[in-house]
């Protein structure tokens, strides 16, 4: 039995999700309709590299080929302490999905210009998982309106915060002599 002092959990225990990397660009470029969790088939040096957050999602996407899910274009840095048997950083990685998920995603992707984009890579109970989003590409005016809405919301929050800090958020008290 291994003993871990208080406050030092085992990496395998997890106790929840430990996010390695997120693809913030995907939420900007795509309108995400639904998400799905998939496992990843990785080599040993890839897992070790992920533990030090050595992953890049730039231009990566998922696809279904021959009834199997594949993650393409995801760059996992070579492990720094690896030997000549280190992994290829740009290799295609197999996704672990249930058969009915694969058939449902195949139908959704084929139907109307939807694509599978990786949103987040994380460890769950010691296993590497990826959150895939089924998304439709945004047009330029959609991106602009989303940015505009976000800016307006930020300004409103700042104004409200500033008003509360300066005391302007309260109604003035009435004096007793006005009665």
C-alpha atoms as a PDB file:
ATOM      1  CA  UNK A   1       0.000   0.000   0.000  1.00  0.00           C
ATOM      2  CA  UNK A   2       1.285   3.439  -0.934  1.00  0.00           C
ATOM      3  CA  UNK A   3       1.056   6.232   1.552  1.00  0.00           C
ATOM      4  CA  UNK A   4       0.431   9.781   0.334  1.00  0.00           C
ATOM      5  CA  UNK A   5       0.716  12.551   2.919  1.00  0.00           C
ATOM      6  CA  UNK A   6      -2.236  14.886   3.371  1.00  0.00           C
ATOM      7  CA  UNK A   7      -2.540  17.262   0.406  1.00  0.00           C
ATOM      8  CA  UNK A   8      -0.530  15.128  -2.017  1.00  0.00           C
ATOM      9  CA  UNK A   9      -3.014  13.039  -4.031  1.00  0.00           C
ATOM     10  CA  UNK A  10      -1.878  10.300  -6.359  1.00  0.00           C
ATOM     11  CA  UNK A  11      -1.931  11.144 -10.062  1.00  0.00           C
ATOM     12  CA  UNK A  12      -4.031   8.047 -10.689  1.00  0.00           C
ATOM     13  CA  UNK A  13      -6.634   8.908  -8.032  1.00  0.00           C
ATOM     14  CA  UNK A  14      -7.582  12.106  -9.782  1.00  0.00           C
ATOM     15  CA  UNK A  15     -10.463  13.165  -7.589  1.00  0.00           C
ATOM     16  CA  UNK A  16     -11.919  14.846 -10.665  1.00  0.00           C
ATOM     17  CA  UNK A  17     -10.761  16.189 -13.971  1.00  0.00           C
ATOM     18  CA  UNK A  18      -7.283  17.657 -14.358  1.00  0.00           C
ATOM     19  CA  UNK A  19      -7.349  19.825 -17.472  1.00  0.00           C
ATOM     20  CA  UNK A  20      -4.195  19.662 -19.544  1.00  0.00           C
ATOM     21  CA  UNK A  21      -5.117  22.023 -22.358  1.00  0.00           C
ATOM     22  CA  UNK A  22      -8.144  23.824 -23.773  1.00  0.00           C
ATOM     23  CA  UNK A  23      -8.849  24.908 -27.326  1.00  0.00           C
ATOM     24  CA  UNK A  24     -10.233  28.423 -26.819  1.00  0.00           C
ATOM     25  CA  UNK A  25      -9.958  29.155 -30.529  1.00  0.00           C
ATOM     26  CA  UNK A  26     -12.538  26.445 -31.308  1.00  0.00           C
ATOM     27  CA  UNK A  27     -15.264  28.287 -29.379  1.00  0.00           C
ATOM     28  CA  UNK A  28     -14.461  31.408 -31.397  1.00  0.00           C
ATOM     29  CA  UNK A  29     -14.338  29.703 -34.807  1.00  0.00           C
ATOM     30  CA  UNK A  30     -17.262  27.289 -34.341  1.00  0.00           C
ATOM     31  CA  UNK A  31     -20.762  27.306 -32.925  1.00  0.00           C
ATOM     32  CA  UNK A  32     -20.624  24.215 -30.691  1.00  0.00           C
ATOM     33  CA  UNK A  33     -23.912  22.269 -30.852  1.00  0.00           C
ATOM     34  CA  UNK A  34     -23.026  19.339 -28.587  1.00  0.00           C
ATOM     35  CA  UNK A  35     -20.026  17.780 -26.875  1.00  0.00           C
ATOM     36  CA  UNK A  36     -18.860  14.202 -26.456  1.00  0.00           C
ATOM     37  CA  UNK A  37     -16.108  12.646 -24.325  1.00  0.00           C
ATOM     38  CA  UNK A  38     -13.690  10.175 -25.894  1.00  0.00           C
ATOM     39  CA  UNK A  39     -10.662   8.264 -24.702  1.00  0.00           C
ATOM     40  CA  UNK A  40      -7.316   8.403 -26.507  1.00  0.00           C
ATOM     41  CA  UNK A  41      -4.969   5.616 -27.534  1.00  0.00           C
ATOM     42  CA  UNK A  42      -1.523   6.933 -26.545  1.00  0.00           C
ATOM     43  CA  UNK A  43       2.037   5.673 -26.242  1.00  0.00           C
ATOM     44  CA  UNK A  44       3.938   5.927 -22.962  1.00  0.00           C
ATOM     45  CA  UNK A  45       6.032   8.952 -23.908  1.00  0.00           C
ATOM     46  CA  UNK A  46       2.881  10.766 -25.078  1.00  0.00           C
ATOM     47  CA  UNK A  47       1.273  10.337 -21.658  1.00  0.00           C
ATOM     48  CA  UNK A  48       4.407  11.597 -19.924  1.00  0.00           C
ATOM     49  CA  UNK A  49       4.514  14.594 -22.244  1.00  0.00           C
ATOM     50  CA  UNK A  50       0.839  15.335 -21.539  1.00  0.00           C
ATOM     51  CA  UNK A  51       1.509  15.351 -17.801  1.00  0.00           C
ATOM     52  CA  UNK A  52       3.756  18.389 -18.381  1.00  0.00           C
ATOM     53  CA  UNK A  53       1.077  19.949 -20.665  1.00  0.00           C
ATOM     54  CA  UNK A  54       2.967  19.601 -23.931  1.00  0.00           C
ATOM     55  CA  UNK A  55       0.056  19.670 -26.389  1.00  0.00           C
ATOM     56  CA  UNK A  56      -1.099  22.047 -29.152  1.00  0.00           C
ATOM     57  CA  UNK A  57      -4.539  21.945 -30.803  1.00  0.00           C
ATOM     58  CA  UNK A  58      -3.731  24.274 -33.699  1.00  0.00           C
ATOM     59  CA  UNK A  59      -5.468  23.016 -36.895  1.00  0.00           C
ATOM     60  CA  UNK A  60      -6.534  19.756 -35.237  1.00  0.00           C
ATOM     61  CA  UNK A  61      -9.851  18.019 -35.811  1.00  0.00           C
ATOM     62  CA  UNK A  62     -11.463  14.609 -35.406  1.00  0.00           C
ATOM     63  CA  UNK A  63     -12.906  12.407 -38.108  1.00  0.00           C
ATOM     64  CA  UNK A  64     -14.524   9.011 -38.538  1.00  0.00           C
ATOM     65  CA  UNK A  65     -12.710   6.578 -40.898  1.00  0.00           C
ATOM     66  CA  UNK A  66     -13.747   2.962 -41.443  1.00  0.00           C
ATOM     67  CA  UNK A  67     -15.981   3.001 -38.371  1.00  0.00           C
ATOM     68  CA  UNK A  68     -13.223   4.329 -36.071  1.00  0.00           C
ATOM     69  CA  UNK A  69     -12.685   7.780 -34.578  1.00  0.00           C
ATOM     70  CA  UNK A  70      -9.357   9.522 -35.265  1.00  0.00           C
ATOM     71  CA  UNK A  71      -7.788  12.719 -33.942  1.00  0.00           C
ATOM     72  CA  UNK A  72      -5.755  14.427 -36.679  1.00  0.00           C
ATOM     73  CA  UNK A  73      -3.298  17.303 -36.484  1.00  0.00           C
ATOM     74  CA  UNK A  74      -2.909  17.379 -32.699  1.00  0.00           C
ATOM     75  CA  UNK A  75       0.725  18.060 -31.763  1.00  0.00           C
ATOM     76  CA  UNK A  76       2.005  16.373 -28.596  1.00  0.00           C
ATOM     77  CA  UNK A  77       5.562  17.496 -27.870  1.00  0.00           C
ATOM     78  CA  UNK A  78       8.239  14.796 -27.716  1.00  0.00           C
ATOM     79  CA  UNK A  79       9.026  13.766 -24.158  1.00  0.00           C
ATOM     80  CA  UNK A  80      12.137  15.592 -22.996  1.00  0.00           C
ATOM     81  CA  UNK A  81      13.630  12.556 -21.195  1.00  0.00           C
ATOM     82  CA  UNK A  82      12.631  10.108 -23.926  1.00  0.00           C
ATOM     83  CA  UNK A  83      15.096   8.051 -25.910  1.00  0.00           C
ATOM     84  CA  UNK A  84      15.273   7.418 -29.632  1.00  0.00           C
ATOM     85  CA  UNK A  85      12.005   5.455 -29.195  1.00  0.00           C
ATOM     86  CA  UNK A  86      10.134   8.722 -28.617  1.00  0.00           C
ATOM     87  CA  UNK A  87       6.768   9.180 -30.342  1.00  0.00           C
ATOM     88  CA  UNK A  88       6.020  11.083 -33.573  1.00  0.00           C
ATOM     89  CA  UNK A  89       4.492  14.409 -32.434  1.00  0.00           C
ATOM     90  CA  UNK A  90       2.067  14.743 -35.377  1.00  0.00           C
ATOM     91  CA  UNK A  91       0.814  11.158 -35.652  1.00  0.00           C
ATOM     92  CA  UNK A  92      -2.896  10.373 -35.959  1.00  0.00           C
ATOM     93  CA  UNK A  93      -4.360   9.128 -32.685  1.00  0.00           C
ATOM     94  CA  UNK A  94      -7.248   6.722 -32.352  1.00  0.00           C
ATOM     95  CA  UNK A  95     -10.294   7.811 -30.338  1.00  0.00           C
ATOM     96  CA  UNK A  96     -12.115   5.397 -28.055  1.00  0.00           C
ATOM     97  CA  UNK A  97     -15.862   5.783 -28.604  1.00  0.00           C
ATOM     98  CA  UNK A  98     -18.869   3.488 -28.280  1.00  0.00           C
ATOM     99  CA  UNK A  99     -20.217   2.063 -31.542  1.00  0.00           C
ATOM    100  CA  UNK A 100     -23.529   3.944 -31.250  1.00  0.00           C
ATOM    101  CA  UNK A 101     -21.668   7.220 -30.611  1.00  0.00           C
ATOM    102  CA  UNK A 102     -19.620   6.616 -33.768  1.00  0.00           C
ATOM    103  CA  UNK A 103     -22.712   5.954 -35.893  1.00  0.00           C
ATOM    104  CA  UNK A 104     -24.525   8.989 -34.463  1.00  0.00           C
ATOM    105  CA  UNK A 105     -21.527  11.278 -35.030  1.00  0.00           C
ATOM    106  CA  UNK A 106     -21.003   9.908 -38.552  1.00  0.00           C
ATOM    107  CA  UNK A 107     -24.601  10.754 -39.425  1.00  0.00           C
ATOM    108  CA  UNK A 108     -24.390  14.235 -37.882  1.00  0.00           C
ATOM    109  CA  UNK A 109     -21.095  15.118 -39.597  1.00  0.00           C
ATOM    110  CA  UNK A 110     -22.321  13.875 -42.992  1.00  0.00           C
ATOM    111  CA  UNK A 111     -25.690  15.620 -42.827  1.00  0.00           C
ATOM    112  CA  UNK A 112     -24.921  19.323 -42.958  1.00  0.00           C
ATOM    113  CA  UNK A 113     -21.416  20.662 -42.815  1.00  0.00           C
ATOM    114  CA  UNK A 114     -20.667  19.908 -39.183  1.00  0.00           C
ATOM    115  CA  UNK A 115     -17.190  19.073 -37.947  1.00  0.00           C
ATOM    116  CA  UNK A 116     -15.665  17.499 -34.840  1.00  0.00           C
ATOM    117  CA  UNK A 117     -13.209  19.804 -33.090  1.00  0.00           C
ATOM    118  CA  UNK A 118     -11.249  19.073 -29.903  1.00  0.00           C
ATOM    119  CA  UNK A 119     -12.240  21.426 -27.090  1.00  0.00           C
ATOM    120  CA  UNK A 120     -10.339  20.163 -24.072  1.00  0.00           C
ATOM    121  CA  UNK A 121      -7.791  17.488 -23.154  1.00  0.00           C
ATOM    122  CA  UNK A 122      -7.776  16.262 -19.555  1.00  0.00           C
ATOM    123  CA  UNK A 123      -7.014  13.386 -17.227  1.00  0.00           C
ATOM    124  CA  UNK A 124      -9.972  11.651 -15.604  1.00  0.00           C
ATOM    125  CA  UNK A 125      -9.130   8.940 -13.057  1.00  0.00           C
ATOM    126  CA  UNK A 126      -5.631   8.707 -14.521  1.00  0.00           C
ATOM    127  CA  UNK A 127      -6.851   8.228 -18.111  1.00  0.00           C
ATOM    128  CA  UNK A 128      -6.364  10.777 -20.889  1.00  0.00           C
ATOM    129  CA  UNK A 129      -9.706  11.981 -22.237  1.00  0.00           C
ATOM    130  CA  UNK A 130     -10.620  14.491 -24.916  1.00  0.00           C
ATOM    131  CA  UNK A 131     -13.787  16.540 -25.132  1.00  0.00           C
ATOM    132  CA  UNK A 132     -14.918  16.839 -28.740  1.00  0.00           C
ATOM    133  CA  UNK A 133     -17.396  19.435 -29.913  1.00  0.00           C
ATOM    134  CA  UNK A 134     -19.740  18.963 -32.836  1.00  0.00           C
ATOM    135  CA  UNK A 135     -19.648  22.413 -34.367  1.00  0.00           C
ATOM    136  CA  UNK A 136     -20.683  24.483 -37.338  1.00  0.00           C
ATOM    137  CA  UNK A 137     -18.247  27.090 -38.629  1.00  0.00           C
ATOM    138  CA  UNK A 138     -19.147  30.674 -37.796  1.00  0.00           C
ATOM    139  CA  UNK A 139     -19.337  33.339 -40.445  1.00  0.00           C
ATOM    140  CA  UNK A 140     -17.398  36.571 -39.992  1.00  0.00           C
ATOM    141  CA  UNK A 141     -20.483  38.572 -38.960  1.00  0.00           C
ATOM    142  CA  UNK A 142     -21.314  35.907 -36.321  1.00  0.00           C
ATOM    143  CA  UNK A 143     -17.850  36.304 -34.810  1.00  0.00           C
ATOM    144  CA  UNK A 144     -18.206  40.085 -34.781  1.00  0.00           C
ATOM    145  CA  UNK A 145     -21.602  39.973 -33.095  1.00  0.00           C
ATOM    146  CA  UNK A 146     -20.293  37.517 -30.468  1.00  0.00           C
ATOM    147  CA  UNK A 147     -17.358  39.847 -29.755  1.00  0.00           C
ATOM    148  CA  UNK A 148     -19.707  42.831 -29.561  1.00  0.00           C
ATOM    149  CA  UNK A 149     -22.017  41.035 -27.101  1.00  0.00           C
ATOM    150  CA  UNK A 150     -19.072  40.016 -24.945  1.00  0.00           C
ATOM    151  CA  UNK A 151     -17.726  43.593 -24.893  1.00  0.00           C
ATOM    152  CA  UNK A 152     -21.136  45.033 -23.960  1.00  0.00           C
ATOM    153  CA  UNK A 153     -21.538  42.500 -21.140  1.00  0.00           C
ATOM    154  CA  UNK A 154     -18.030  43.273 -19.844  1.00  0.00           C
ATOM    155  CA  UNK A 155     -18.737  47.027 -19.873  1.00  0.00           C
ATOM    156  CA  UNK A 156     -22.032  46.542 -18.033  1.00  0.00           C
ATOM    157  CA  UNK A 157     -20.344  44.397 -15.390  1.00  0.00           C
ATOM    158  CA  UNK A 158     -17.560  46.969 -14.975  1.00  0.00           C
ATOM    159  CA  UNK A 159     -20.067  49.827 -14.664  1.00  0.00           C
ATOM    160  CA  UNK A 160     -22.089  47.927 -12.069  1.00  0.00           C
ATOM    161  CA  UNK A 161     -18.956  47.038 -10.123  1.00  0.00           C
ATOM    162  CA  UNK A 162     -17.702  50.616 -10.261  1.00  0.00           C
ATOM    163  CA  UNK A 163     -21.084  51.997  -9.147  1.00  0.00           C
ATOM    164  CA  UNK A 164     -21.179  49.662  -6.154  1.00  0.00           C
ATOM    165  CA  UNK A 165     -17.625  50.540  -5.125  1.00  0.00           C
ATOM    166  CA  UNK A 166     -18.244  54.292  -5.308  1.00  0.00           C
ATOM    167  CA  UNK A 167     -21.476  54.033  -3.363  1.00  0.00           C
ATOM    168  CA  UNK A 168     -23.574  55.205  -6.291  1.00  0.00           C
ATOM    169  CA  UNK A 169     -25.497  51.970  -6.435  1.00  0.00           C
ATOM    170  CA  UNK A 170     -27.732  52.829  -3.447  1.00  0.00           C
ATOM    171  CA  UNK A 171     -30.722  55.121  -3.264  1.00  0.00           C
ATOM    172  CA  UNK A 172     -30.111  58.252  -1.219  1.00  0.00           C
ATOM    173  CA  UNK A 173     -31.532  58.178   2.296  1.00  0.00           C
ATOM    174  CA  UNK A 174     -34.384  60.471   3.147  1.00  0.00           C
ATOM    175  CA  UNK A 175     -33.873  62.761   6.037  1.00  0.00           C
ATOM    176  CA  UNK A 176     -36.257  62.511   8.987  1.00  0.00           C
ATOM    177  CA  UNK A 177     -37.204  66.232   8.789  1.00  0.00           C
ATOM    178  CA  UNK A 178     -38.951  65.709   5.457  1.00  0.00           C
ATOM    179  CA  UNK A 179     -41.863  64.068   7.226  1.00  0.00           C
END
